[in-house]
Amino acid sequence: MPNTASAIRRVRRVVKQTAVNRIRKSKYRAAVKKMEELVKSGEKEKIKIFFHDFQSILMQVAKTGTINKNTASRKISKISKKISKIISN
């Protein structure tokens, strides 16, 4: 248990921030799963439409520090390569 007033406030803040981070991470994981499903299905139009949103979601989550920026960039790059193979065929 926190003993000082500042420690008590800090605990409250951490609890709120944990909840926010959990929501952001869930949003990130859902976007990655949806994108991977679209890539597996090979639906070009849906992929093109969702890819912009996918990038946006990942960068928003990375900007806030929930995930590392390099992780977001790596995921985007990996999916982008898969998409380019699908679209070129």
PDB file of N, CA and C in Angstrom:
ATOM      1  N   MET A   1       0.842  -1.191   0.000  1.00  0.00           N
ATOM      2  CA  MET A   1       0.000   0.000   0.000  1.00  0.00           C
ATOM      3  C   MET A   1       0.879   1.244   0.000  1.00  0.00           C
ATOM      4  N   PRO A   2       0.454   2.236  -0.776  1.00  0.00           N
ATOM      5  CA  PRO A   2       1.204   3.496  -0.792  1.00  0.00           C
ATOM      6  C   PRO A   2       1.006   4.251   0.528  1.00  0.00           C
ATOM      7  N   ASN A   3       2.070   4.852   0.976  1.00  0.00           N
ATOM      8  CA  ASN A   3       2.024   5.542   2.269  1.00  0.00           C
ATOM      9  C   ASN A   3       1.854   7.051   2.135  1.00  0.00           C
ATOM     10  N   THR A   4       2.400   7.641   1.088  1.00  0.00           N
ATOM     11  CA  THR A   4       2.333   9.095   0.941  1.00  0.00           C
ATOM     12  C   THR A   4       1.209   9.489  -0.002  1.00  0.00           C
ATOM     13  N   ALA A   5       0.822  10.738   0.085  1.00  0.00           N
ATOM     14  CA  ALA A   5      -0.262  11.245  -0.766  1.00  0.00           C
ATOM     15  C   ALA A   5       0.112  11.157  -2.239  1.00  0.00           C
ATOM     16  N   SER A   6       1.364  11.473  -2.551  1.00  0.00           N
ATOM     17  CA  SER A   6       1.794  11.433  -3.947  1.00  0.00           C
ATOM     18  C   SER A   6       1.797   9.998  -4.479  1.00  0.00           C
ATOM     19  N   ALA A   7       2.131   9.037  -3.629  1.00  0.00           N
ATOM     20  CA  ALA A   7       2.122   7.631  -4.031  1.00  0.00           C
ATOM     21  C   ALA A   7       0.692   7.154  -4.281  1.00  0.00           C
ATOM     22  N   ILE A   8      -0.238   7.635  -3.483  1.00  0.00           N
ATOM     23  CA  ILE A   8      -1.650   7.284  -3.664  1.00  0.00           C
ATOM     24  C   ILE A   8      -2.150   7.828  -5.004  1.00  0.00           C
ATOM     25  N   ARG A   9      -1.803   9.076  -5.295  1.00  0.00           N
ATOM     26  CA  ARG A   9      -2.200   9.675  -6.584  1.00  0.00           C
ATOM     27  C   ARG A   9      -1.575   8.915  -7.743  1.00  0.00           C
ATOM     28  N   ARG A  10      -0.337   8.534  -7.563  1.00  0.00           N
ATOM     29  CA  ARG A  10       0.381   7.808  -8.611  1.00  0.00           C
ATOM     30  C   ARG A  10      -0.293   6.463  -8.903  1.00  0.00           C
ATOM     31  N   VAL A  11      -0.746   5.781  -7.865  1.00  0.00           N
ATOM     32  CA  VAL A  11      -1.439   4.505  -8.045  1.00  0.00           C
ATOM     33  C   VAL A  11      -2.724   4.711  -8.835  1.00  0.00           C
ATOM     34  N   ARG A  12      -3.469   5.766  -8.494  1.00  0.00           N
ATOM     35  CA  ARG A  12      -4.705   6.068  -9.229  1.00  0.00           C
ATOM     36  C   ARG A  12      -4.405   6.310 -10.702  1.00  0.00           C
ATOM     37  N   ARG A  13      -3.342   7.069 -10.956  1.00  0.00           N
ATOM     38  CA  ARG A  13      -2.957   7.406 -12.325  1.00  0.00           C
ATOM     39  C   ARG A  13      -2.548   6.158 -13.114  1.00  0.00           C
ATOM     40  N   VAL A  14      -1.803   5.282 -12.463  1.00  0.00           N
ATOM     41  CA  VAL A  14      -1.341   4.057 -13.116  1.00  0.00           C
ATOM     42  C   VAL A  14      -2.525   3.159 -13.477  1.00  0.00           C
ATOM     43  N   VAL A  15      -3.501   3.075 -12.599  1.00  0.00           N
ATOM     44  CA  VAL A  15      -4.686   2.253 -12.866  1.00  0.00           C
ATOM     45  C   VAL A  15      -5.420   2.777 -14.097  1.00  0.00           C
ATOM     46  N   LYS A  16      -5.609   4.092 -14.175  1.00  0.00           N
ATOM     47  CA  LYS A  16      -6.288   4.688 -15.331  1.00  0.00           C
ATOM     48  C   LYS A  16      -5.488   4.465 -16.607  1.00  0.00           C
ATOM     49  N   GLN A  17      -4.177   4.672 -16.521  1.00  0.00           N
ATOM     50  CA  GLN A  17      -3.332   4.528 -17.704  1.00  0.00           C
ATOM     51  C   GLN A  17      -3.272   3.082 -18.177  1.00  0.00           C
ATOM     52  N   THR A  18      -3.300   2.144 -17.245  1.00  0.00           N
ATOM     53  CA  THR A  18      -3.309   0.725 -17.604  1.00  0.00           C
ATOM     54  C   THR A  18      -4.564   0.392 -18.396  1.00  0.00           C
ATOM     55  N   ALA A  19      -5.690   0.937 -17.969  1.00  0.00           N
ATOM     56  CA  ALA A  19      -6.947   0.699 -18.678  1.00  0.00           C
ATOM     57  C   ALA A  19      -6.891   1.268 -20.097  1.00  0.00           C
ATOM     58  N   VAL A  20      -6.346   2.463 -20.226  1.00  0.00           N
ATOM     59  CA  VAL A  20      -6.226   3.096 -21.544  1.00  0.00           C
ATOM     60  C   VAL A  20      -5.305   2.281 -22.446  1.00  0.00           C
ATOM     61  N   ASN A  21      -4.163   1.857 -21.903  1.00  0.00           N
ATOM     62  CA  ASN A  21      -3.218   1.070 -22.686  1.00  0.00           C
ATOM     63  C   ASN A  21      -3.815  -0.264 -23.114  1.00  0.00           C
ATOM     64  N   ARG A  22      -4.620  -0.856 -22.247  1.00  0.00           N
ATOM     65  CA  ARG A  22      -5.264  -2.127 -22.573  1.00  0.00           C
ATOM     66  C   ARG A  22      -6.218  -1.948 -23.761  1.00  0.00           C
ATOM     67  N   ILE A  23      -6.947  -0.852 -23.774  1.00  0.00           N
ATOM     68  CA  ILE A  23      -7.866  -0.560 -24.881  1.00  0.00           C
ATOM     69  C   ILE A  23      -7.081  -0.355 -26.172  1.00  0.00           C
ATOM     70  N   ARG A  24      -6.003   0.421 -26.090  1.00  0.00           N
ATOM     71  CA  ARG A  24      -5.187   0.689 -27.275  1.00  0.00           C
ATOM     72  C   ARG A  24      -4.561  -0.580 -27.823  1.00  0.00           C
ATOM     73  N   LYS A  25      -4.057  -1.420 -26.933  1.00  0.00           N
ATOM     74  CA  LYS A  25      -3.413  -2.659 -27.372  1.00  0.00           C
ATOM     75  C   LYS A  25      -4.439  -3.600 -28.010  1.00  0.00           C
ATOM     76  N   SER A  26      -5.641  -3.614 -27.476  1.00  0.00           N
ATOM     77  CA  SER A  26      -6.710  -4.429 -28.035  1.00  0.00           C
ATOM     78  C   SER A  26      -7.060  -3.952 -29.446  1.00  0.00           C
ATOM     79  N   LYS A  27      -7.150  -2.644 -29.604  1.00  0.00           N
ATOM     80  CA  LYS A  27      -7.437  -2.030 -30.909  1.00  0.00           C
ATOM     81  C   LYS A  27      -6.351  -2.407 -31.926  1.00  0.00           C
ATOM     82  N   TYR A  28      -5.102  -2.364 -31.481  1.00  0.00           N
ATOM     83  CA  TYR A  28      -3.951  -2.705 -32.313  1.00  0.00           C
ATOM     84  C   TYR A  28      -4.005  -4.169 -32.745  1.00  0.00           C
ATOM     85  N   ARG A  29      -4.235  -5.053 -31.791  1.00  0.00           N
ATOM     86  CA  ARG A  29      -4.286  -6.485 -32.104  1.00  0.00           C
ATOM     87  C   ARG A  29      -5.437  -6.813 -33.040  1.00  0.00           C
ATOM     88  N   ALA A  30      -6.592  -6.178 -32.815  1.00  0.00           N
ATOM     89  CA  ALA A  30      -7.752  -6.411 -33.676  1.00  0.00           C
ATOM     90  C   ALA A  30      -7.459  -5.965 -35.107  1.00  0.00           C
ATOM     91  N   ALA A  31      -6.780  -4.843 -35.258  1.00  0.00           N
ATOM     92  CA  ALA A  31      -6.443  -4.343 -36.595  1.00  0.00           C
ATOM     93  C   ALA A  31      -5.489  -5.295 -37.305  1.00  0.00           C
ATOM     94  N   VAL A  32      -4.504  -5.794 -36.581  1.00  0.00           N
ATOM     95  CA  VAL A  32      -3.534  -6.731 -37.176  1.00  0.00           C
ATOM     96  C   VAL A  32      -4.235  -8.016 -37.605  1.00  0.00           C
ATOM     97  N   LYS A  33      -5.099  -8.538 -36.746  1.00  0.00           N
ATOM     98  CA  LYS A  33      -5.827  -9.772 -37.073  1.00  0.00           C
ATOM     99  C   LYS A  33      -6.718  -9.573 -38.296  1.00  0.00           C
ATOM    100  N   LYS A  34      -7.433  -8.442 -38.327  1.00  0.00           N
ATOM    101  CA  LYS A  34      -8.333  -8.184 -39.448  1.00  0.00           C
ATOM    102  C   LYS A  34      -7.546  -8.073 -40.749  1.00  0.00           C
ATOM    103  N   MET A  35      -6.409  -7.389 -40.692  1.00  0.00           N
ATOM    104  CA  MET A  35      -5.587  -7.222 -41.896  1.00  0.00           C
ATOM    105  C   MET A  35      -5.052  -8.564 -42.372  1.00  0.00           C
ATOM    106  N   GLU A  36      -4.597  -9.402 -41.458  1.00  0.00           N
ATOM    107  CA  GLU A  36      -4.087 -10.717 -41.830  1.00  0.00           C
ATOM    108  C   GLU A  36      -5.180 -11.582 -42.439  1.00  0.00           C
ATOM    109  N   GLU A  37      -6.395 -11.488 -41.899  1.00  0.00           N
ATOM    110  CA  GLU A  37      -7.516 -12.239 -42.463  1.00  0.00           C
ATOM    111  C   GLU A  37      -7.830 -11.769 -43.880  1.00  0.00           C
ATOM    112  N   LEU A  38      -7.801 -10.458 -44.086  1.00  0.00           N
ATOM    113  CA  LEU A  38      -8.060  -9.926 -45.423  1.00  0.00           C
ATOM    114  C   LEU A  38      -6.984 -10.370 -46.401  1.00  0.00           C
ATOM    115  N   VAL A  39      -5.737 -10.393 -45.958  1.00  0.00           N
ATOM    116  CA  VAL A  39      -4.635 -10.822 -46.826  1.00  0.00           C
ATOM    117  C   VAL A  39      -4.803 -12.297 -47.181  1.00  0.00           C
ATOM    118  N   LYS A  40      -5.198 -13.119 -46.201  1.00  0.00           N
ATOM    119  CA  LYS A  40      -5.408 -14.545 -46.465  1.00  0.00           C
ATOM    120  C   LYS A  40      -6.560 -14.763 -47.443  1.00  0.00           C
ATOM    121  N   SER A  41      -7.619 -13.966 -47.294  1.00  0.00           N
ATOM    122  CA  SER A  41      -8.772 -14.123 -48.180  1.00  0.00           C
ATOM    123  C   SER A  41      -8.468 -13.612 -49.583  1.00  0.00           C
ATOM    124  N   GLY A  42      -7.552 -12.657 -49.705  1.00  0.00           N
ATOM    125  CA  GLY A  42      -7.146 -12.150 -51.012  1.00  0.00           C
ATOM    126  C   GLY A  42      -8.127 -11.180 -51.654  1.00  0.00           C
ATOM    127  N   GLU A  43      -8.987 -10.570 -50.853  1.00  0.00           N
ATOM    128  CA  GLU A  43      -9.963  -9.615 -51.385  1.00  0.00           C
ATOM    129  C   GLU A  43      -9.287  -8.264 -51.589  1.00  0.00           C
ATOM    130  N   LYS A  44      -8.934  -7.993 -52.832  1.00  0.00           N
ATOM    131  CA  LYS A  44      -8.117  -6.811 -53.143  1.00  0.00           C
ATOM    132  C   LYS A  44      -8.779  -5.501 -52.744  1.00  0.00           C
ATOM    133  N   GLU A  45     -10.058  -5.366 -53.039  1.00  0.00           N
ATOM    134  CA  GLU A  45     -10.747  -4.093 -52.757  1.00  0.00           C
ATOM    135  C   GLU A  45     -10.817  -3.814 -51.259  1.00  0.00           C
ATOM    136  N   LYS A  46     -11.171  -4.835 -50.482  1.00  0.00           N
ATOM    137  CA  LYS A  46     -11.266  -4.649 -49.029  1.00  0.00           C
ATOM    138  C   LYS A  46      -9.893  -4.352 -48.428  1.00  0.00           C
ATOM    139  N   ILE A  47      -8.861  -5.007 -48.984  1.00  0.00           N
ATOM    140  CA  ILE A  47      -7.499  -4.765 -48.501  1.00  0.00           C
ATOM    141  C   ILE A  47      -7.105  -3.317 -48.749  1.00  0.00           C
ATOM    142  N   LYS A  48      -7.368  -2.823 -49.950  1.00  0.00           N
ATOM    143  CA  LYS A  48      -7.008  -1.446 -50.299  1.00  0.00           C
ATOM    144  C   LYS A  48      -7.720  -0.452 -49.392  1.00  0.00           C
ATOM    145  N   ILE A  49      -8.977  -0.710 -49.103  1.00  0.00           N
ATOM    146  CA  ILE A  49      -9.760   0.199 -48.261  1.00  0.00           C
ATOM    147  C   ILE A  49      -9.244   0.186 -46.815  1.00  0.00           C
ATOM    148  N   PHE A  50      -8.983  -1.006 -46.281  1.00  0.00           N
ATOM    149  CA  PHE A  50      -8.615  -1.114 -44.865  1.00  0.00           C
ATOM    150  C   PHE A  50      -7.153  -0.777 -44.600  1.00  0.00           C
ATOM    151  N   PHE A  51      -6.284  -0.876 -45.600  1.00  0.00           N
ATOM    152  CA  PHE A  51      -4.855  -0.681 -45.367  1.00  0.00           C
ATOM    153  C   PHE A  51      -4.543   0.703 -44.799  1.00  0.00           C
ATOM    154  N   HIS A  52      -5.214   1.719 -45.300  1.00  0.00           N
ATOM    155  CA  HIS A  52      -4.992   3.078 -44.791  1.00  0.00           C
ATOM    156  C   HIS A  52      -5.377   3.160 -43.309  1.00  0.00           C
ATOM    157  N   ASP A  53      -6.534   2.595 -42.959  1.00  0.00           N
ATOM    158  CA  ASP A  53      -6.976   2.594 -41.558  1.00  0.00           C
ATOM    159  C   ASP A  53      -6.020   1.783 -40.687  1.00  0.00           C
ATOM    160  N   PHE A  54      -5.540   0.681 -41.236  1.00  0.00           N
ATOM    161  CA  PHE A  54      -4.595  -0.188 -40.532  1.00  0.00           C
ATOM    162  C   PHE A  54      -3.330   0.590 -40.158  1.00  0.00           C
ATOM    163  N   GLN A  55      -2.769   1.300 -41.113  1.00  0.00           N
ATOM    164  CA  GLN A  55      -1.574   2.100 -40.856  1.00  0.00           C
ATOM    165  C   GLN A  55      -1.856   3.170 -39.807  1.00  0.00           C
ATOM    166  N   SER A  56      -2.988   3.812 -39.933  1.00  0.00           N
ATOM    167  CA  SER A  56      -3.370   4.879 -39.021  1.00  0.00           C
ATOM    168  C   SER A  56      -3.478   4.363 -37.587  1.00  0.00           C
ATOM    169  N   ILE A  57      -4.146   3.236 -37.412  1.00  0.00           N
ATOM    170  CA  ILE A  57      -4.326   2.661 -36.076  1.00  0.00           C
ATOM    171  C   ILE A  57      -2.973   2.316 -35.458  1.00  0.00           C
ATOM    172  N   LEU A  58      -2.119   1.666 -36.235  1.00  0.00           N
ATOM    173  CA  LEU A  58      -0.813   1.263 -35.707  1.00  0.00           C
ATOM    174  C   LEU A  58       0.027   2.470 -35.319  1.00  0.00           C
ATOM    175  N   MET A  59       0.017   3.507 -36.132  1.00  0.00           N
ATOM    176  CA  MET A  59       0.821   4.684 -35.816  1.00  0.00           C
ATOM    177  C   MET A  59       0.253   5.464 -34.632  1.00  0.00           C
ATOM    178  N   GLN A  60      -1.067   5.488 -34.481  1.00  0.00           N
ATOM    179  CA  GLN A  60      -1.667   6.141 -33.318  1.00  0.00           C
ATOM    180  C   GLN A  60      -1.241   5.447 -32.028  1.00  0.00           C
ATOM    181  N   VAL A  61      -1.280   4.118 -32.054  1.00  0.00           N
ATOM    182  CA  VAL A  61      -0.903   3.344 -30.868  1.00  0.00           C
ATOM    183  C   VAL A  61       0.588   3.517 -30.582  1.00  0.00           C
ATOM    184  N   ALA A  62       1.395   3.557 -31.639  1.00  0.00           N
ATOM    185  CA  ALA A  62       2.845   3.733 -31.461  1.00  0.00           C
ATOM    186  C   ALA A  62       3.166   5.137 -30.953  1.00  0.00           C
ATOM    187  N   LYS A  63       2.432   6.113 -31.429  1.00  0.00           N
ATOM    188  CA  LYS A  63       2.677   7.502 -31.027  1.00  0.00           C
ATOM    189  C   LYS A  63       2.493   7.689 -29.526  1.00  0.00           C
ATOM    190  N   THR A  64       1.535   6.981 -28.956  1.00  0.00           N
ATOM    191  CA  THR A  64       1.265   7.122 -27.532  1.00  0.00           C
ATOM    192  C   THR A  64       2.207   6.284 -26.680  1.00  0.00           C
ATOM    193  N   GLY A  65       3.009   5.427 -27.313  1.00  0.00           N
ATOM    194  CA  GLY A  65       3.992   4.647 -26.584  1.00  0.00           C
ATOM    195  C   GLY A  65       3.492   3.305 -26.097  1.00  0.00           C
ATOM    196  N   THR A  66       2.293   2.922 -26.472  1.00  0.00           N
ATOM    197  CA  THR A  66       1.772   1.633 -26.057  1.00  0.00           C
ATOM    198  C   THR A  66       2.579   0.505 -26.702  1.00  0.00           C
ATOM    199  N   ILE A  67       2.905   0.683 -27.982  1.00  0.00           N
ATOM    200  CA  ILE A  67       3.846  -0.225 -28.639  1.00  0.00           C
ATOM    201  C   ILE A  67       4.982   0.625 -29.197  1.00  0.00           C
ATOM    202  N   ASN A  68       6.080  -0.012 -29.499  1.00  0.00           N
ATOM    203  CA  ASN A  68       7.243   0.697 -30.015  1.00  0.00           C
ATOM    204  C   ASN A  68       7.000   1.123 -31.464  1.00  0.00           C
ATOM    205  N   LYS A  69       7.521   2.269 -31.851  1.00  0.00           N
ATOM    206  CA  LYS A  69       7.334   2.765 -33.220  1.00  0.00           C
ATOM    207  C   LYS A  69       7.942   1.813 -34.240  1.00  0.00           C
ATOM    208  N   ASN A  70       9.076   1.219 -33.898  1.00  0.00           N
ATOM    209  CA  ASN A  70       9.703   0.275 -34.814  1.00  0.00           C
ATOM    210  C   ASN A  70       8.853  -0.974 -35.007  1.00  0.00           C
ATOM    211  N   THR A  71       8.168  -1.394 -33.971  1.00  0.00           N
ATOM    212  CA  THR A  71       7.275  -2.545 -34.065  1.00  0.00           C
ATOM    213  C   THR A  71       6.138  -2.241 -35.029  1.00  0.00           C
ATOM    214  N   ALA A  72       5.548  -1.063 -34.891  1.00  0.00           N
ATOM    215  CA  ALA A  72       4.455  -0.659 -35.779  1.00  0.00           C
ATOM    216  C   ALA A  72       4.945  -0.587 -37.224  1.00  0.00           C
ATOM    217  N   SER A  73       6.115   0.011 -37.429  1.00  0.00           N
ATOM    218  CA  SER A  73       6.664   0.136 -38.772  1.00  0.00           C
ATOM    219  C   SER A  73       6.953  -1.236 -39.378  1.00  0.00           C
ATOM    220  N   ARG A  74       7.464  -2.139 -38.558  1.00  0.00           N
ATOM    221  CA  ARG A  74       7.775  -3.486 -39.030  1.00  0.00           C
ATOM    222  C   ARG A  74       6.502  -4.227 -39.455  1.00  0.00           C
ATOM    223  N   LYS A  75       5.441  -4.098 -38.657  1.00  0.00           N
ATOM    224  CA  LYS A  75       4.165  -4.746 -38.983  1.00  0.00           C
ATOM    225  C   LYS A  75       3.600  -4.190 -40.287  1.00  0.00           C
ATOM    226  N   ILE A  76       3.651  -2.868 -40.426  1.00  0.00           N
ATOM    227  CA  ILE A  76       3.141  -2.219 -41.639  1.00  0.00           C
ATOM    228  C   ILE A  76       3.941  -2.679 -42.847  1.00  0.00           C
ATOM    229  N   SER A  77       5.251  -2.723 -42.710  1.00  0.00           N
ATOM    230  CA  SER A  77       6.114  -3.123 -43.810  1.00  0.00           C
ATOM    231  C   SER A  77       5.847  -4.565 -44.232  1.00  0.00           C
ATOM    232  N   LYS A  78       5.723  -5.436 -43.259  1.00  0.00           N
ATOM    233  CA  LYS A  78       5.500  -6.856 -43.535  1.00  0.00           C
ATOM    234  C   LYS A  78       4.170  -7.065 -44.266  1.00  0.00           C
ATOM    235  N   ILE A  79       3.127  -6.412 -43.785  1.00  0.00           N
ATOM    236  CA  ILE A  79       1.813  -6.526 -44.421  1.00  0.00           C
ATOM    237  C   ILE A  79       1.850  -5.898 -45.810  1.00  0.00           C
ATOM    238  N   SER A  80       2.553  -4.782 -45.935  1.00  0.00           N
ATOM    239  CA  SER A  80       2.654  -4.088 -47.220  1.00  0.00           C
ATOM    240  C   SER A  80       3.270  -4.984 -48.289  1.00  0.00           C
ATOM    241  N   LYS A  81       4.298  -5.734 -47.914  1.00  0.00           N
ATOM    242  CA  LYS A  81       4.923  -6.662 -48.854  1.00  0.00           C
ATOM    243  C   LYS A  81       3.945  -7.745 -49.299  1.00  0.00           C
ATOM    244  N   LYS A  82       3.173  -8.280 -48.350  1.00  0.00           N
ATOM    245  CA  LYS A  82       2.185  -9.293 -48.679  1.00  0.00           C
ATOM    246  C   LYS A  82       1.110  -8.738 -49.615  1.00  0.00           C
ATOM    247  N   ILE A  83       0.702  -7.504 -49.329  1.00  0.00           N
ATOM    248  CA  ILE A  83      -0.329  -6.856 -50.153  1.00  0.00           C
ATOM    249  C   ILE A  83       0.169  -6.637 -51.567  1.00  0.00           C
ATOM    250  N   SER A  84       1.408  -6.178 -51.683  1.00  0.00           N
ATOM    251  CA  SER A  84       1.941  -5.905 -53.030  1.00  0.00           C
ATOM    252  C   SER A  84       1.996  -7.181 -53.861  1.00  0.00           C
ATOM    253  N   LYS A  85       2.274  -8.320 -53.235  1.00  0.00           N
ATOM    254  CA  LYS A  85       2.266  -9.606 -53.951  1.00  0.00           C
ATOM    255  C   LYS A  85       0.860  -9.951 -54.424  1.00  0.00           C
ATOM    256  N   ILE A  86      -0.133  -9.719 -53.578  1.00  0.00           N
ATOM    257  CA  ILE A  86      -1.525 -10.036 -53.912  1.00  0.00           C
ATOM    258  C   ILE A  86      -2.012  -9.131 -55.042  1.00  0.00           C
ATOM    259  N   ILE A  87      -1.743  -7.853 -54.929  1.00  0.00           N
ATOM    260  CA  ILE A  87      -2.251  -6.888 -55.912  1.00  0.00           C
ATOM    261  C   ILE A  87      -1.566  -7.069 -57.264  1.00  0.00           C
ATOM    262  N   SER A  88      -0.279  -7.416 -57.245  1.00  0.00           N
ATOM    263  CA  SER A  88       0.444  -7.570 -58.517  1.00  0.00           C
ATOM    264  C   SER A  88      -0.015  -8.798 -59.288  1.00  0.00           C
ATOM    265  N   ASN A  89      -0.580  -9.797 -58.583  1.00  0.00           N
ATOM    266  CA  ASN A  89      -1.046 -11.023 -59.271  1.00  0.00           C
ATOM    267  C   ASN A  89      -2.358 -10.805 -59.961  1.00  0.00           C
TER     268      ASN A  89
END
